[in-house]
C-alpha atoms as a PDB file:
ATOM      1  CA  MET A   1      44.579  29.092 111.438  1.00  0.00           C
ATOM      2  CA  LYS A   2      47.130  27.588 109.053  1.00  0.00           C
ATOM      3  CA  LYS A   3      46.743  30.573 106.733  1.00  0.00           C
ATOM      4  CA  LEU A   4      47.430  32.971 109.590  1.00  0.00           C
ATOM      5  CA  VAL A   5      50.594  31.093 110.594  1.00  0.00           C
ATOM      6  CA  LEU A   6      51.746  30.936 106.971  1.00  0.00           C
ATOM      7  CA  MET A   7      51.088  34.676 106.453  1.00  0.00           C
ATOM      8  CA  SER A   8      52.955  35.486 109.656  1.00  0.00           C
ATOM      9  CA  ALA A   9      55.923  33.398 108.549  1.00  0.00           C
ATOM     10  CA  VAL A  10      56.004  35.085 105.125  1.00  0.00           C
ATOM     11  CA  LEU A  11      55.805  38.569 106.659  1.00  0.00           C
ATOM     12  CA  LEU A  12      58.538  37.711 109.142  1.00  0.00           C
ATOM     13  CA  LEU A  13      60.750  36.421 106.335  1.00  0.00           C
ATOM     14  CA  LEU A  14      60.172  39.557 104.242  1.00  0.00           C
ATOM     15  CA  ALA A  15      60.879  41.797 107.220  1.00  0.00           C
ATOM     16  CA  ALA A  16      64.137  39.962 107.869  1.00  0.00           C
ATOM     17  CA  CYS A  17      65.231  40.529 104.275  1.00  0.00           C
ATOM     18  CA  ALA A  18      64.588  44.276 104.325  1.00  0.00           C
ATOM     19  CA  GLN A  19      67.744  46.357 104.382  1.00  0.00           C
ATOM     20  CA  PRO A  20      68.094  49.116 106.954  1.00  0.00           C
ATOM     21  CA  PRO A  21      68.809  52.631 105.728  1.00  0.00           C
ATOM     22  CA  TYR A  22      72.470  53.493 105.312  1.00  0.00           C
ATOM     23  CA  ILE A  23      74.204  55.078 108.267  1.00  0.00           C
ATOM     24  CA  TYR A  24      76.671  56.793 105.974  1.00  0.00           C
ATOM     25  CA  TYR A  25      77.473  56.882 102.285  1.00  0.00           C
ATOM     26  CA  GLY A  26      80.708  56.172 100.542  1.00  0.00           C
ATOM     27  CA  ASN A  27      83.251  53.656  99.510  1.00  0.00           C
ATOM     28  CA  SER A  28      86.655  54.748  98.352  1.00  0.00           C
ATOM     29  CA  SER A  29      88.574  51.693  99.484  1.00  0.00           C
ATOM     30  CA  HIS A  30      89.603  50.589  95.981  1.00  0.00           C
ATOM     31  CA  SER A  31      91.120  53.969  95.101  1.00  0.00           C
ATOM     32  CA  TYR A  32      92.679  54.167  98.574  1.00  0.00           C
ATOM     33  CA  TYR A  33      94.345  50.801  98.037  1.00  0.00           C
ATOM     34  CA  LYS A  34      95.742  51.926  94.673  1.00  0.00           C
ATOM     35  CA  ALA A  35      96.997  55.219  96.145  1.00  0.00           C
ATOM     36  CA  VAL A  36      98.809  53.457  98.979  1.00  0.00           C
ATOM     37  CA  LYS A  37     100.147  50.644  96.807  1.00  0.00           C
ATOM     38  CA  LYS A  38     101.398  52.725  93.861  1.00  0.00           C
ATOM     39  CA  GLN A  39     102.027  56.052  95.605  1.00  0.00           C
ATOM     40  CA  ASP A  40     102.132  57.899  92.288  1.00  0.00           C
ATOM     41  CA  GLU A  41     100.483  61.217  91.434  1.00  0.00           C
ATOM     42  CA  LEU A  42      97.721  59.674  89.340  1.00  0.00           C
ATOM     43  CA  SER A  43      96.540  57.162  91.941  1.00  0.00           C
ATOM     44  CA  VAL A  44      96.652  59.773  94.720  1.00  0.00           C
ATOM     45  CA  ALA A  45      94.682  62.199  92.516  1.00  0.00           C
ATOM     46  CA  GLN A  46      92.112  59.469  91.816  1.00  0.00           C
ATOM     47  CA  TYR A  47      91.781  58.780  95.533  1.00  0.00           C
ATOM     48  CA  LYS A  48      91.332  62.471  96.233  1.00  0.00           C
ATOM     49  CA  ALA A  49      88.670  62.693  93.511  1.00  0.00           C
ATOM     50  CA  SER A  50      86.870  59.654  94.942  1.00  0.00           C
ATOM     51  CA  LEU A  51      86.792  61.327  98.359  1.00  0.00           C
ATOM     52  CA  GLU A  52      85.353  64.503  96.841  1.00  0.00           C
ATOM     53  CA  THR A  53      82.667  62.400  95.143  1.00  0.00           C
ATOM     54  CA  VAL A  54      81.806  60.729  98.436  1.00  0.00           C
ATOM     55  CA  PHE A  55      81.538  64.151 100.113  1.00  0.00           C
ATOM     56  CA  LYS A  56      79.234  65.539  97.407  1.00  0.00           C
ATOM     57  CA  ARG A  57      76.970  62.503  97.229  1.00  0.00           C
ATOM     58  CA  SER A  58      76.670  62.044 100.961  1.00  0.00           C
ATOM     59  CA  ASP A  59      75.843  65.722 101.334  1.00  0.00           C
ATOM     60  CA  ALA A  60      73.180  65.473  98.628  1.00  0.00           C
ATOM     61  CA  MET A  61      71.703  62.398 100.317  1.00  0.00           C
ATOM     62  CA  GLY A  62      71.895  63.926 103.793  1.00  0.00           C
ATOM     63  CA  ILE A  63      73.973  61.012 105.068  1.00  0.00           C
ATOM     64  CA  LYS A  64      77.184  61.123 107.094  1.00  0.00           C
ATOM     65  CA  VAL A  65      80.562  60.544 105.507  1.00  0.00           C
ATOM     66  CA  PRO A  66      82.246  57.367 106.806  1.00  0.00           C
ATOM     67  CA  PRO A  67      84.683  57.848 109.691  1.00  0.00           C
ATOM     68  CA  GLY A  68      88.212  58.835 108.718  1.00  0.00           C
ATOM     69  CA  LEU A  69      87.540  60.138 105.207  1.00  0.00           C
ATOM     70  CA  TYR A  70      87.603  63.820 106.164  1.00  0.00           C
ATOM     71  CA  CYS A  71      90.852  63.135 107.983  1.00  0.00           C
ATOM     72  CA  ASP A  72      92.372  61.370 104.966  1.00  0.00           C
ATOM     73  CA  TYR A  73      91.367  64.274 102.755  1.00  0.00           C
ATOM     74  CA  ALA A  74      92.909  66.731 105.211  1.00  0.00           C
ATOM     75  CA  LEU A  75      96.197  64.823 105.112  1.00  0.00           C
ATOM     76  CA  LEU A  76      96.164  64.983 101.311  1.00  0.00           C
ATOM     77  CA  LEU A  77      95.592  68.736 101.520  1.00  0.00           C
ATOM     78  CA  LEU A  78      98.483  69.086 103.945  1.00  0.00           C
ATOM     79  CA  LYS A  79     100.793  67.483 101.371  1.00  0.00           C
ATOM     80  CA  GLU A  80      99.709  70.246  98.985  1.00  0.00           C
ATOM     81  CA  ASN A  81     100.408  72.925 101.654  1.00  0.00           C
ATOM     82  CA  ARG A  82      96.711  73.835 101.826  1.00  0.00           C
ATOM     83  CA  ASN A  83      96.786  74.079 105.610  1.00  0.00           C
ATOM     84  CA  GLU A  84      93.643  76.150 106.205  1.00  0.00           C
ATOM     85  CA  GLU A  85      91.503  73.807 104.125  1.00  0.00           C
ATOM     86  CA  ALA A  86      93.075  70.821 105.863  1.00  0.00           C
ATOM     87  CA  LYS A  87      92.219  72.319 109.244  1.00  0.00           C
ATOM     88  CA  ALA A  88      88.597  72.758 108.134  1.00  0.00           C
ATOM     89  CA  TYR A  89      88.359  69.087 107.137  1.00  0.00           C
ATOM     90  CA  LEU A  90      89.897  67.969 110.415  1.00  0.00           C
ATOM     91  CA  GLU A  91      87.224  70.011 112.184  1.00  0.00           C
ATOM     92  CA  LYS A  92      84.546  68.309 110.073  1.00  0.00           C
ATOM     93  CA  GLU A  93      85.914  64.948 111.193  1.00  0.00           C
ATOM     94  CA  LYS A  94      85.691  66.053 114.834  1.00  0.00           C
ATOM     95  CA  ARG A  95      82.132  67.324 114.409  1.00  0.00           C
ATOM     96  CA  ASN A  96      80.906  64.166 112.722  1.00  0.00           C
ATOM     97  CA  TRP A  97      82.797  61.618 114.803  1.00  0.00           C
ATOM     98  CA  GLN A  98      83.373  62.771 118.400  1.00  0.00           C
ATOM     99  CA  GLU A  99      85.313  59.612 119.203  1.00  0.00           C
ATOM    100  CA  ALA A 100      88.044  60.906 116.863  1.00  0.00           C
ATOM    101  CA  ASN A 101      88.691  64.084 118.907  1.00  0.00           C
ATOM    102  CA  ASP A 102      91.916  62.872 120.508  1.00  0.00           C
ATOM    103  CA  MET A 103      93.374  61.696 117.224  1.00  0.00           C
ATOM    104  CA  ILE A 104      92.384  64.893 115.393  1.00  0.00           C
ATOM    105  CA  ASN A 105      93.832  67.049 118.169  1.00  0.00           C
ATOM    106  CA  PHE A 106      97.068  65.054 117.941  1.00  0.00           C
ATOM    107  CA  LEU A 107      97.249  65.522 114.160  1.00  0.00           C
ATOM    108  CA  ALA A 108      96.456  69.220 114.390  1.00  0.00           C
ATOM    109  CA  LYS A 109      99.206  69.699 116.933  1.00  0.00           C
ATOM    110  CA  ARG A 110     101.673  67.600 114.946  1.00  0.00           C
ATOM    111  CA  TYR A 111     101.116  69.599 111.759  1.00  0.00           C
ATOM    112  CA  GLY A 112     100.922  72.969 113.515  1.00  0.00           C
ATOM    113  CA  LEU A 113      97.233  73.538 112.857  1.00  0.00           C
ATOM    114  CA  ASP A 114      96.135  74.077 116.465  1.00  0.00           C
END
């Protein structure tokens, strides 16, 4: 009986330590911080590259991109006057995160992408 209780406790402990699968992939917060803090071409380019890496890796893994990253990328594209590409990324944000619809519609209207 003691062995059964001990085995159950060990299995419960191991189950509690198991990590769940990721909901989405990506972390670009460090490069985002640098881009916002410095606001120079290099840091913004590094942030943009980090977003592109997140998009590629999450796509390869079949995992969603974190909320807001498609939108951030679209805003970077708008600064480069790449409006059609920006619109496509805003649409990706809407498809992946329905709760962002109102915000994306507002941004599209504000930047004349609607």
